[in-house]
C-alpha atoms as a PDB file:
ATOM      1  CA  LEU A   1     -65.752  80.958 -81.479  1.00  0.00           C
ATOM      2  CA  ASP A   2     -62.739  78.794 -82.222  1.00  0.00           C
ATOM      3  CA  ALA A   3     -61.888  78.718 -78.514  1.00  0.00           C
ATOM      4  CA  LEU A   4     -65.435  77.627 -77.676  1.00  0.00           C
ATOM      5  CA  GLU A   5     -65.247  74.850 -80.253  1.00  0.00           C
ATOM      6  CA  GLN A   6     -61.882  73.767 -78.818  1.00  0.00           C
ATOM      7  CA  LEU A   7     -63.421  73.528 -75.347  1.00  0.00           C
ATOM      8  CA  ALA A   8     -66.671  71.841 -76.389  1.00  0.00           C
ATOM      9  CA  VAL A   9     -65.317  69.314 -78.860  1.00  0.00           C
ATOM     10  CA  ASN A  10     -61.884  68.567 -77.398  1.00  0.00           C
ATOM     11  CA  ALA A  11     -61.364  69.669 -73.790  1.00  0.00           C
ATOM     12  CA  LEU A  12     -64.736  68.752 -72.275  1.00  0.00           C
ATOM     13  CA  PRO A  13     -64.804  65.159 -73.568  1.00  0.00           C
ATOM     14  CA  GLY A  14     -61.161  64.767 -72.594  1.00  0.00           C
ATOM     15  CA  SER A  15     -61.950  65.595 -69.000  1.00  0.00           C
ATOM     16  CA  LEU A  16     -64.595  62.876 -68.602  1.00  0.00           C
ATOM     17  CA  SER A  17     -64.428  59.100 -68.636  1.00  0.00           C
ATOM     18  CA  GLY A  18     -66.216  57.282 -71.452  1.00  0.00           C
ATOM     19  CA  ASP A  19     -69.220  56.453 -69.264  1.00  0.00           C
ATOM     20  CA  LEU A  20     -69.321  60.004 -67.797  1.00  0.00           C
ATOM     21  CA  TRP A  21     -69.033  58.658 -64.243  1.00  0.00           C
ATOM     22  CA  SER A  22     -65.590  59.976 -63.413  1.00  0.00           C
ATOM     23  CA  HIS A  23     -63.429  63.025 -63.990  1.00  0.00           C
ATOM     24  CA  PRO A  24     -60.204  64.504 -62.630  1.00  0.00           C
ATOM     25  CA  TYR A  25     -60.283  67.731 -60.636  1.00  0.00           C
ATOM     26  CA  LEU A  26     -57.395  69.033 -62.762  1.00  0.00           C
ATOM     27  CA  GLN A  27     -57.417  68.053 -66.433  1.00  0.00           C
ATOM     28  CA  PHE A  28     -54.157  68.181 -68.381  1.00  0.00           C
ATOM     29  CA  VAL A  29     -53.711  68.379 -72.128  1.00  0.00           C
ATOM     30  CA  ASN A  30     -52.263  65.118 -73.465  1.00  0.00           C
ATOM     31  CA  SER A  31     -52.009  63.638 -69.979  1.00  0.00           C
ATOM     32  CA  TYR A  32     -50.504  60.183 -70.144  1.00  0.00           C
ATOM     33  CA  GLN A  33     -51.240  59.136 -66.592  1.00  0.00           C
ATOM     34  CA  ALA A  34     -53.829  59.819 -63.951  1.00  0.00           C
ATOM     35  CA  ARG A  35     -52.805  58.232 -60.701  1.00  0.00           C
ATOM     36  CA  PRO A  36     -53.325  59.152 -57.065  1.00  0.00           C
ATOM     37  CA  ASN A  37     -50.827  60.224 -54.447  1.00  0.00           C
ATOM     38  CA  VAL A  38     -48.080  61.474 -56.731  1.00  0.00           C
ATOM     39  CA  ALA A  39     -45.396  62.718 -54.344  1.00  0.00           C
ATOM     40  CA  ASP A  40     -43.752  65.225 -56.681  1.00  0.00           C
ATOM     41  CA  HIS A  41     -46.809  66.792 -58.307  1.00  0.00           C
ATOM     42  CA  VAL A  42     -46.395  70.282 -59.768  1.00  0.00           C
ATOM     43  CA  TRP A  43     -49.604  71.800 -58.408  1.00  0.00           C
ATOM     44  CA  LYS A  44     -49.220  73.148 -54.905  1.00  0.00           C
ATOM     45  CA  SER A  45     -52.722  74.251 -53.932  1.00  0.00           C
ATOM     46  CA  ASP A  46     -54.543  71.027 -54.825  1.00  0.00           C
ATOM     47  CA  GLY A  47     -54.131  67.624 -53.272  1.00  0.00           C
ATOM     48  CA  PRO A  48     -52.017  64.789 -54.664  1.00  0.00           C
ATOM     49  CA  ASP A  49     -55.095  63.081 -56.113  1.00  0.00           C
ATOM     50  CA  ALA A  50     -56.242  66.111 -58.161  1.00  0.00           C
ATOM     51  CA  GLY A  51     -55.179  64.506 -61.456  1.00  0.00           C
ATOM     52  CA  MET A  52     -56.807  61.143 -60.734  1.00  0.00           C
ATOM     53  CA  TYR A  53     -60.104  60.143 -62.344  1.00  0.00           C
ATOM     54  CA  GLY A  54     -62.873  59.528 -59.823  1.00  0.00           C
ATOM     55  CA  LEU A  55     -66.420  60.422 -58.891  1.00  0.00           C
ATOM     56  CA  ALA A  56     -65.292  63.182 -56.512  1.00  0.00           C
ATOM     57  CA  PRO A  57     -61.482  63.143 -56.590  1.00  0.00           C
ATOM     58  CA  GLN A  58     -61.002  66.553 -54.982  1.00  0.00           C
ATOM     59  CA  TYR A  59     -64.235  68.430 -54.239  1.00  0.00           C
ATOM     60  CA  GLU A  60     -67.850  67.274 -54.372  1.00  0.00           C
ATOM     61  CA  CYS A  61     -69.039  70.397 -56.200  1.00  0.00           C
ATOM     62  CA  CYS A  62     -67.413  69.195 -59.422  1.00  0.00           C
ATOM     63  CA  THR A  63     -69.494  66.030 -59.307  1.00  0.00           C
ATOM     64  CA  ALA A  64     -72.626  68.156 -59.026  1.00  0.00           C
ATOM     65  CA  ASN A  65     -71.578  70.554 -61.803  1.00  0.00           C
ATOM     66  CA  PHE A  66     -69.469  68.753 -64.404  1.00  0.00           C
ATOM     67  CA  HIS A  67     -72.479  67.377 -66.304  1.00  0.00           C
ATOM     68  CA  GLN A  68     -73.733  70.892 -67.131  1.00  0.00           C
ATOM     69  CA  GLY A  69     -71.341  71.649 -70.000  1.00  0.00           C
ATOM     70  CA  TYR A  70     -73.199  70.175 -72.971  1.00  0.00           C
ATOM     71  CA  PRO A  71     -76.767  71.098 -71.921  1.00  0.00           C
ATOM     72  CA  LYS A  72     -75.718  74.733 -71.470  1.00  0.00           C
ATOM     73  CA  LEU A  73     -73.847  74.738 -74.776  1.00  0.00           C
ATOM     74  CA  ILE A  74     -76.782  73.202 -76.651  1.00  0.00           C
ATOM     75  CA  ALA A  75     -79.240  75.641 -75.068  1.00  0.00           C
ATOM     76  CA  GLY A  76     -77.293  78.489 -76.678  1.00  0.00           C
ATOM     77  CA  LEU A  77     -76.692  77.007 -80.144  1.00  0.00           C
ATOM     78  CA  PHE A  78     -79.689  78.641 -81.825  1.00  0.00           C
ATOM     79  CA  TYR A  79     -81.421  81.943 -81.218  1.00  0.00           C
ATOM     80  CA  GLU A  80     -84.529  83.460 -82.696  1.00  0.00           C
ATOM     81  CA  VAL A  81     -84.449  86.917 -84.301  1.00  0.00           C
ATOM     82  CA  PRO A  82     -88.178  87.749 -84.281  1.00  0.00           C
ATOM     83  CA  GLU A  83     -87.946  91.063 -86.144  1.00  0.00           C
ATOM     84  CA  ARG A  84     -86.416  89.197 -89.095  1.00  0.00           C
ATOM     85  CA  ASN A  85     -88.381  85.965 -88.628  1.00  0.00           C
ATOM     86  CA  ALA A  86     -85.045  84.181 -88.578  1.00  0.00           C
ATOM     87  CA  LEU A  87     -82.996  81.645 -86.669  1.00  0.00           C
ATOM     88  CA  VAL A  88     -79.312  82.245 -85.922  1.00  0.00           C
ATOM     89  CA  SER A  89     -76.768  79.509 -85.294  1.00  0.00           C
ATOM     90  CA  THR A  90     -74.135  80.692 -82.832  1.00  0.00           C
ATOM     91  CA  LEU A  91     -71.619  77.887 -83.276  1.00  0.00           C
ATOM     92  CA  TRP A  92     -70.654  75.643 -86.154  1.00  0.00           C
ATOM     93  CA  MET A  93     -71.012  72.137 -84.747  1.00  0.00           C
ATOM     94  CA  PRO A  94     -73.178  69.077 -85.412  1.00  0.00           C
ATOM     95  CA  SER A  95     -76.696  70.016 -84.357  1.00  0.00           C
ATOM     96  CA  ARG A  96     -80.334  69.813 -85.370  1.00  0.00           C
ATOM     97  CA  LEU A  97     -83.259  72.114 -84.644  1.00  0.00           C
ATOM     98  CA  ASN A  98     -86.933  71.733 -85.520  1.00  0.00           C
ATOM     99  CA  SER A  99     -88.669  75.067 -85.018  1.00  0.00           C
ATOM    100  CA  SER A 100     -92.333  75.824 -84.555  1.00  0.00           C
ATOM    101  CA  THR A 101     -94.306  77.228 -87.467  1.00  0.00           C
ATOM    102  CA  ASP A 102     -94.109  80.791 -86.148  1.00  0.00           C
ATOM    103  CA  ILE A 103     -90.294  80.766 -86.235  1.00  0.00           C
ATOM    104  CA  GLY A 104     -88.745  80.630 -89.674  1.00  0.00           C
ATOM    105  CA  GLY A 105     -91.913  79.120 -91.126  1.00  0.00           C
ATOM    106  CA  GLY A 106     -91.408  75.839 -89.264  1.00  0.00           C
ATOM    107  CA  ALA A 107     -87.882  75.247 -90.478  1.00  0.00           C
ATOM    108  CA  ALA A 108     -85.832  72.127 -89.823  1.00  0.00           C
ATOM    109  CA  VAL A 109     -82.169  73.070 -89.530  1.00  0.00           C
ATOM    110  CA  GLY A 110     -79.279  70.637 -89.484  1.00  0.00           C
ATOM    111  CA  LEU A 111     -75.568  71.411 -89.356  1.00  0.00           C
END
């Protein structure tokens, strides 16, 4: 779970611009520059603009998919265990859940 937290809280936000409109195809830890057309880049299979922030800097599929990280993470934060009439939190991160009355007696859970 520590690796998931590292990805969700650190890596995913680091790979998006503040307004969520741009991202690099390749995201680097502690990258200090993101510029296009670097002649001596170290990656050989991706283009010279792969580290640049943009709407679709390398492939269009990333633009269609990169927004899915948080909704998919949030969808899996809580699970119901019906045989125990319980809710299970799968990851320790800021979250809130208001359940229906037939799950956990209508519990409101906040982490």
